[in-house]
Amino acid sequence: MQNRLKELRAERGYSQQELADRLGVSRQTIISIEKGRFDPSLPLAFQLAAAFSCRIEDIFTPHHSG
């Protein structure tokens, strides 16, 4: 999935570590999600949406094929 996590995080002025701490995950998890190497679990996706006061769809978009 593609995502706007890095952009949203920058808008809020959060470091990767600050966001990781807020969500109870490792900084490596945040890095992996931002780079599109890791798709978060649904509960984590909901936590991310709540952290940015937006919907999951506002952060994540499926890759379009073809």
PDB file of N, CA and C in Angstrom:
ATOM      1  N   MET A   1       0.839  -1.193   0.000  1.00  0.00           N
ATOM      2  CA  MET A   1       0.000   0.000   0.000  1.00  0.00           C
ATOM      3  C   MET A   1       0.872   1.239   0.000  1.00  0.00           C
ATOM      4  N   GLN A   2       0.392   2.249  -0.677  1.00  0.00           N
ATOM      5  CA  GLN A   2       1.067   3.539  -0.610  1.00  0.00           C
ATOM      6  C   GLN A   2       0.482   4.282   0.590  1.00  0.00           C
ATOM      7  N   ASN A   3       1.243   5.218   1.137  1.00  0.00           N
ATOM      8  CA  ASN A   3       0.706   5.957   2.272  1.00  0.00           C
ATOM      9  C   ASN A   3       1.303   7.357   2.354  1.00  0.00           C
ATOM     10  N   ARG A   4       0.624   8.199   3.122  1.00  0.00           N
ATOM     11  CA  ARG A   4       1.025   9.586   3.317  1.00  0.00           C
ATOM     12  C   ARG A   4       1.584   9.786   4.721  1.00  0.00           C
ATOM     13  N   LEU A   5       2.023   8.701   5.344  1.00  0.00           N
ATOM     14  CA  LEU A   5       2.438   8.774   6.739  1.00  0.00           C
ATOM     15  C   LEU A   5       3.560   9.789   6.964  1.00  0.00           C
ATOM     16  N   LYS A   6       4.576   9.748   6.124  1.00  0.00           N
ATOM     17  CA  LYS A   6       5.712  10.660   6.295  1.00  0.00           C
ATOM     18  C   LYS A   6       5.252  12.116   6.190  1.00  0.00           C
ATOM     19  N   GLU A   7       4.410  12.378   5.202  1.00  0.00           N
ATOM     20  CA  GLU A   7       3.874  13.723   4.975  1.00  0.00           C
ATOM     21  C   GLU A   7       3.045  14.197   6.175  1.00  0.00           C
ATOM     22  N   LEU A   8       2.156  13.339   6.654  1.00  0.00           N
ATOM     23  CA  LEU A   8       1.313  13.698   7.799  1.00  0.00           C
ATOM     24  C   LEU A   8       2.163  13.910   9.053  1.00  0.00           C
ATOM     25  N   ARG A   9       3.147  13.055   9.224  1.00  0.00           N
ATOM     26  CA  ARG A   9       4.027  13.150  10.395  1.00  0.00           C
ATOM     27  C   ARG A   9       4.796  14.474  10.355  1.00  0.00           C
ATOM     28  N   ALA A  10       5.280  14.841   9.178  1.00  0.00           N
ATOM     29  CA  ALA A  10       6.021  16.101   9.026  1.00  0.00           C
ATOM     30  C   ALA A  10       5.118  17.303   9.315  1.00  0.00           C
ATOM     31  N   GLU A  11       3.875  17.239   8.838  1.00  0.00           N
ATOM     32  CA  GLU A  11       2.917  18.330   9.084  1.00  0.00           C
ATOM     33  C   GLU A  11       2.707  18.548  10.582  1.00  0.00           C
ATOM     34  N   ARG A  12       2.682  17.444  11.333  1.00  0.00           N
ATOM     35  CA  ARG A  12       2.450  17.531  12.775  1.00  0.00           C
ATOM     36  C   ARG A  12       3.742  17.798  13.557  1.00  0.00           C
ATOM     37  N   GLY A  13       4.884  17.688  12.870  1.00  0.00           N
ATOM     38  CA  GLY A  13       6.149  17.918  13.546  1.00  0.00           C
ATOM     39  C   GLY A  13       6.587  16.771  14.436  1.00  0.00           C
ATOM     40  N   TYR A  14       6.086  15.561  14.161  1.00  0.00           N
ATOM     41  CA  TYR A  14       6.497  14.396  14.935  1.00  0.00           C
ATOM     42  C   TYR A  14       7.754  13.787  14.317  1.00  0.00           C
ATOM     43  N   SER A  15       8.677  13.358  15.143  1.00  0.00           N
ATOM     44  CA  SER A  15       9.787  12.548  14.638  1.00  0.00           C
ATOM     45  C   SER A  15       9.261  11.123  14.507  1.00  0.00           C
ATOM     46  N   GLN A  16      10.017  10.284  13.805  1.00  0.00           N
ATOM     47  CA  GLN A  16       9.613   8.879  13.699  1.00  0.00           C
ATOM     48  C   GLN A  16       9.537   8.259  15.087  1.00  0.00           C
ATOM     49  N   GLN A  17      10.486   8.609  15.945  1.00  0.00           N
ATOM     50  CA  GLN A  17      10.510   8.039  17.293  1.00  0.00           C
ATOM     51  C   GLN A  17       9.307   8.495  18.112  1.00  0.00           C
ATOM     52  N   GLU A  18       8.955   9.786  18.000  1.00  0.00           N
ATOM     53  CA  GLU A  18       7.793  10.297  18.748  1.00  0.00           C
ATOM     54  C   GLU A  18       6.514   9.575  18.328  1.00  0.00           C
ATOM     55  N   LEU A  19       6.357   9.378  17.027  1.00  0.00           N
ATOM     56  CA  LEU A  19       5.168   8.684  16.542  1.00  0.00           C
ATOM     57  C   LEU A  19       5.179   7.235  17.017  1.00  0.00           C
ATOM     58  N   ALA A  20       6.341   6.595  16.932  1.00  0.00           N
ATOM     59  CA  ALA A  20       6.462   5.207  17.395  1.00  0.00           C
ATOM     60  C   ALA A  20       6.087   5.103  18.872  1.00  0.00           C
ATOM     61  N   ASP A  21       6.578   6.036  19.681  1.00  0.00           N
ATOM     62  CA  ASP A  21       6.276   6.032  21.114  1.00  0.00           C
ATOM     63  C   ASP A  21       4.778   6.200  21.370  1.00  0.00           C
ATOM     64  N   ARG A  22       4.152   7.091  20.613  1.00  0.00           N
ATOM     65  CA  ARG A  22       2.713   7.325  20.774  1.00  0.00           C
ATOM     66  C   ARG A  22       1.901   6.067  20.484  1.00  0.00           C
ATOM     67  N   LEU A  23       2.411   5.270  19.524  1.00  0.00           N
ATOM     68  CA  LEU A  23       1.675   4.086  19.086  1.00  0.00           C
ATOM     69  C   LEU A  23       2.132   2.807  19.770  1.00  0.00           C
ATOM     70  N   GLY A  24       3.216   2.898  20.527  1.00  0.00           N
ATOM     71  CA  GLY A  24       3.711   1.709  21.201  1.00  0.00           C
ATOM     72  C   GLY A  24       4.367   0.718  20.259  1.00  0.00           C
ATOM     73  N   VAL A  25       4.987   1.240  19.198  1.00  0.00           N
ATOM     74  CA  VAL A  25       5.712   0.380  18.263  1.00  0.00           C
ATOM     75  C   VAL A  25       7.154   0.865  18.164  1.00  0.00           C
ATOM     76  N   SER A  26       7.973   0.127  17.436  1.00  0.00           N
ATOM     77  CA  SER A  26       9.376   0.533  17.281  1.00  0.00           C
ATOM     78  C   SER A  26       9.503   1.572  16.168  1.00  0.00           C
ATOM     79  N   ARG A  27      10.571   2.341  16.242  1.00  0.00           N
ATOM     80  CA  ARG A  27      10.838   3.323  15.189  1.00  0.00           C
ATOM     81  C   ARG A  27      11.007   2.598  13.859  1.00  0.00           C
ATOM     82  N   GLN A  28      11.604   1.402  13.907  1.00  0.00           N
ATOM     83  CA  GLN A  28      11.798   0.612  12.683  1.00  0.00           C
ATOM     84  C   GLN A  28      10.459   0.300  12.011  1.00  0.00           C
ATOM     85  N   THR A  29       9.431   0.077  12.822  1.00  0.00           N
ATOM     86  CA  THR A  29       8.097  -0.186  12.270  1.00  0.00           C
ATOM     87  C   THR A  29       7.603   1.030  11.491  1.00  0.00           C
ATOM     88  N   ILE A  30       7.780   2.216  12.068  1.00  0.00           N
ATOM     89  CA  ILE A  30       7.364   3.458  11.393  1.00  0.00           C
ATOM     90  C   ILE A  30       8.132   3.625  10.088  1.00  0.00           C
ATOM     91  N   ILE A  31       9.443   3.412  10.140  1.00  0.00           N
ATOM     92  CA  ILE A  31      10.276   3.539   8.935  1.00  0.00           C
ATOM     93  C   ILE A  31       9.783   2.576   7.851  1.00  0.00           C
ATOM     94  N   SER A  32       9.527   1.340   8.239  1.00  0.00           N
ATOM     95  CA  SER A  32       9.093   0.323   7.272  1.00  0.00           C
ATOM     96  C   SER A  32       7.738   0.669   6.654  1.00  0.00           C
ATOM     97  N   ILE A  33       6.829   1.193   7.470  1.00  0.00           N
ATOM     98  CA  ILE A  33       5.519   1.596   6.941  1.00  0.00           C
ATOM     99  C   ILE A  33       5.697   2.764   5.976  1.00  0.00           C
ATOM    100  N   GLU A  34       6.494   3.760   6.370  1.00  0.00           N
ATOM    101  CA  GLU A  34       6.697   4.932   5.515  1.00  0.00           C
ATOM    102  C   GLU A  34       7.302   4.556   4.168  1.00  0.00           C
ATOM    103  N   LYS A  35       8.200   3.581   4.178  1.00  0.00           N
ATOM    104  CA  LYS A  35       8.851   3.167   2.927  1.00  0.00           C
ATOM    105  C   LYS A  35       8.012   2.181   2.132  1.00  0.00           C
ATOM    106  N   GLY A  36       6.850   1.811   2.687  1.00  0.00           N
ATOM    107  CA  GLY A  36       5.967   0.894   1.975  1.00  0.00           C
ATOM    108  C   GLY A  36       6.428  -0.551   2.020  1.00  0.00           C
ATOM    109  N   ARG A  37       7.357  -0.857   2.919  1.00  0.00           N
ATOM    110  CA  ARG A  37       7.861  -2.229   3.033  1.00  0.00           C
ATOM    111  C   ARG A  37       6.995  -3.072   3.960  1.00  0.00           C
ATOM    112  N   PHE A  38       6.150  -2.403   4.732  1.00  0.00           N
ATOM    113  CA  PHE A  38       5.356  -3.090   5.740  1.00  0.00           C
ATOM    114  C   PHE A  38       3.980  -2.456   5.789  1.00  0.00           C
ATOM    115  N   ASP A  39       2.947  -3.267   5.660  1.00  0.00           N
ATOM    116  CA  ASP A  39       1.577  -2.773   5.809  1.00  0.00           C
ATOM    117  C   ASP A  39       1.144  -3.042   7.243  1.00  0.00           C
ATOM    118  N   PRO A  40       0.675  -2.022   7.937  1.00  0.00           N
ATOM    119  CA  PRO A  40       0.302  -2.210   9.343  1.00  0.00           C
ATOM    120  C   PRO A  40      -0.916  -3.107   9.492  1.00  0.00           C
ATOM    121  N   SER A  41      -1.031  -3.703  10.660  1.00  0.00           N
ATOM    122  CA  SER A  41      -2.237  -4.473  10.986  1.00  0.00           C
ATOM    123  C   SER A  41      -3.406  -3.489  11.044  1.00  0.00           C
ATOM    124  N   LEU A  42      -4.592  -4.003  10.980  1.00  0.00           N
ATOM    125  CA  LEU A  42      -5.765  -3.130  11.051  1.00  0.00           C
ATOM    126  C   LEU A  42      -5.809  -2.327  12.356  1.00  0.00           C
ATOM    127  N   PRO A  43      -5.557  -2.965  13.521  1.00  0.00           N
ATOM    128  CA  PRO A  43      -5.558  -2.165  14.752  1.00  0.00           C
ATOM    129  C   PRO A  43      -4.523  -1.031  14.719  1.00  0.00           C
ATOM    130  N   LEU A  44      -3.343  -1.300  14.163  1.00  0.00           N
ATOM    131  CA  LEU A  44      -2.318  -0.258  14.084  1.00  0.00           C
ATOM    132  C   LEU A  44      -2.734   0.833  13.095  1.00  0.00           C
ATOM    133  N   ALA A  45      -3.373   0.436  11.994  1.00  0.00           N
ATOM    134  CA  ALA A  45      -3.858   1.424  11.031  1.00  0.00           C
ATOM    135  C   ALA A  45      -4.883   2.346  11.691  1.00  0.00           C
ATOM    136  N   PHE A  46      -5.769   1.783  12.516  1.00  0.00           N
ATOM    137  CA  PHE A  46      -6.746   2.603  13.237  1.00  0.00           C
ATOM    138  C   PHE A  46      -6.043   3.544  14.222  1.00  0.00           C
ATOM    139  N   GLN A  47      -5.000   3.049  14.887  1.00  0.00           N
ATOM    140  CA  GLN A  47      -4.246   3.891  15.824  1.00  0.00           C
ATOM    141  C   GLN A  47      -3.584   5.050  15.088  1.00  0.00           C
ATOM    142  N   LEU A  48      -3.023   4.759  13.924  1.00  0.00           N
ATOM    143  CA  LEU A  48      -2.390   5.807  13.123  1.00  0.00           C
ATOM    144  C   LEU A  48      -3.414   6.867  12.721  1.00  0.00           C
ATOM    145  N   ALA A  49      -4.576   6.405  12.260  1.00  0.00           N
ATOM    146  CA  ALA A  49      -5.629   7.340  11.860  1.00  0.00           C
ATOM    147  C   ALA A  49      -6.040   8.206  13.044  1.00  0.00           C
ATOM    148  N   ALA A  50      -6.170   7.591  14.218  1.00  0.00           N
ATOM    149  CA  ALA A  50      -6.556   8.347  15.412  1.00  0.00           C
ATOM    150  C   ALA A  50      -5.468   9.354  15.790  1.00  0.00           C
ATOM    151  N   ALA A  51      -4.213   8.958  15.648  1.00  0.00           N
ATOM    152  CA  ALA A  51      -3.103   9.846  16.008  1.00  0.00           C
ATOM    153  C   ALA A  51      -3.109  11.105  15.146  1.00  0.00           C
ATOM    154  N   PHE A  52      -3.583  10.972  13.901  1.00  0.00           N
ATOM    155  CA  PHE A  52      -3.611  12.123  12.987  1.00  0.00           C
ATOM    156  C   PHE A  52      -5.016  12.681  12.808  1.00  0.00           C
ATOM    157  N   SER A  53      -5.961  12.198  13.612  1.00  0.00           N
ATOM    158  CA  SER A  53      -7.354  12.664  13.544  1.00  0.00           C
ATOM    159  C   SER A  53      -7.901  12.612  12.119  1.00  0.00           C
ATOM    160  N   CYS A  54      -7.681  11.483  11.472  1.00  0.00           N
ATOM    161  CA  CYS A  54      -8.209  11.326  10.120  1.00  0.00           C
ATOM    162  C   CYS A  54      -8.652   9.884   9.925  1.00  0.00           C
ATOM    163  N   ARG A  55      -9.105   9.582   8.726  1.00  0.00           N
ATOM    164  CA  ARG A  55      -9.557   8.224   8.431  1.00  0.00           C
ATOM    165  C   ARG A  55      -8.388   7.406   7.899  1.00  0.00           C
ATOM    166  N   ILE A  56      -8.488   6.094   8.027  1.00  0.00           N
ATOM    167  CA  ILE A  56      -7.449   5.213   7.478  1.00  0.00           C
ATOM    168  C   ILE A  56      -7.258   5.506   5.988  1.00  0.00           C
ATOM    169  N   GLU A  57      -8.364   5.734   5.289  1.00  0.00           N
ATOM    170  CA  GLU A  57      -8.285   5.993   3.836  1.00  0.00           C
ATOM    171  C   GLU A  57      -7.528   7.280   3.519  1.00  0.00           C
ATOM    172  N   ASP A  58      -7.443   8.184   4.505  1.00  0.00           N
ATOM    173  CA  ASP A  58      -6.706   9.427   4.289  1.00  0.00           C
ATOM    174  C   ASP A  58      -5.192   9.205   4.372  1.00  0.00           C
ATOM    175  N   ILE A  59      -4.785   8.082   4.959  1.00  0.00           N
ATOM    176  CA  ILE A  59      -3.364   7.779   5.098  1.00  0.00           C
ATOM    177  C   ILE A  59      -2.909   6.748   4.074  1.00  0.00           C
ATOM    178  N   PHE A  60      -3.706   5.693   3.919  1.00  0.00           N
ATOM    179  CA  PHE A  60      -3.303   4.585   3.062  1.00  0.00           C
ATOM    180  C   PHE A  60      -4.138   4.477   1.797  1.00  0.00           C
ATOM    181  N   THR A  61      -3.461   4.237   0.677  1.00  0.00           N
ATOM    182  CA  THR A  61      -4.166   3.998  -0.580  1.00  0.00           C
ATOM    183  C   THR A  61      -3.591   2.727  -1.190  1.00  0.00           C
ATOM    184  N   PRO A  62      -4.451   1.863  -1.716  1.00  0.00           N
ATOM    185  CA  PRO A  62      -3.953   0.624  -2.310  1.00  0.00           C
ATOM    186  C   PRO A  62      -3.139   0.933  -3.564  1.00  0.00           C
ATOM    187  N   HIS A  63      -2.174   0.076  -3.854  1.00  0.00           N
ATOM    188  CA  HIS A  63      -1.419   0.212  -5.112  1.00  0.00           C
ATOM    189  C   HIS A  63      -2.390  -0.103  -6.237  1.00  0.00           C
ATOM    190  N   HIS A  64      -2.339   0.705  -7.271  1.00  0.00           N
ATOM    191  CA  HIS A  64      -3.196   0.435  -8.421  1.00  0.00           C
ATOM    192  C   HIS A  64      -2.385  -0.355  -9.436  1.00  0.00           C
ATOM    193  N   SER A  65      -2.952  -1.453  -9.902  1.00  0.00           N
ATOM    194  CA  SER A  65      -2.236  -2.261 -10.889  1.00  0.00           C
ATOM    195  C   SER A  65      -2.763  -1.956 -12.275  1.00  0.00           C
ATOM    196  N   GLY A  66      -1.843  -1.992 -13.239  1.00  0.00           N
ATOM    197  CA  GLY A  66      -2.215  -1.819 -14.635  1.00  0.00           C
ATOM    198  C   GLY A  66      -2.600  -0.413 -14.952  1.00  0.00           C
TER     199      GLY A  66
END
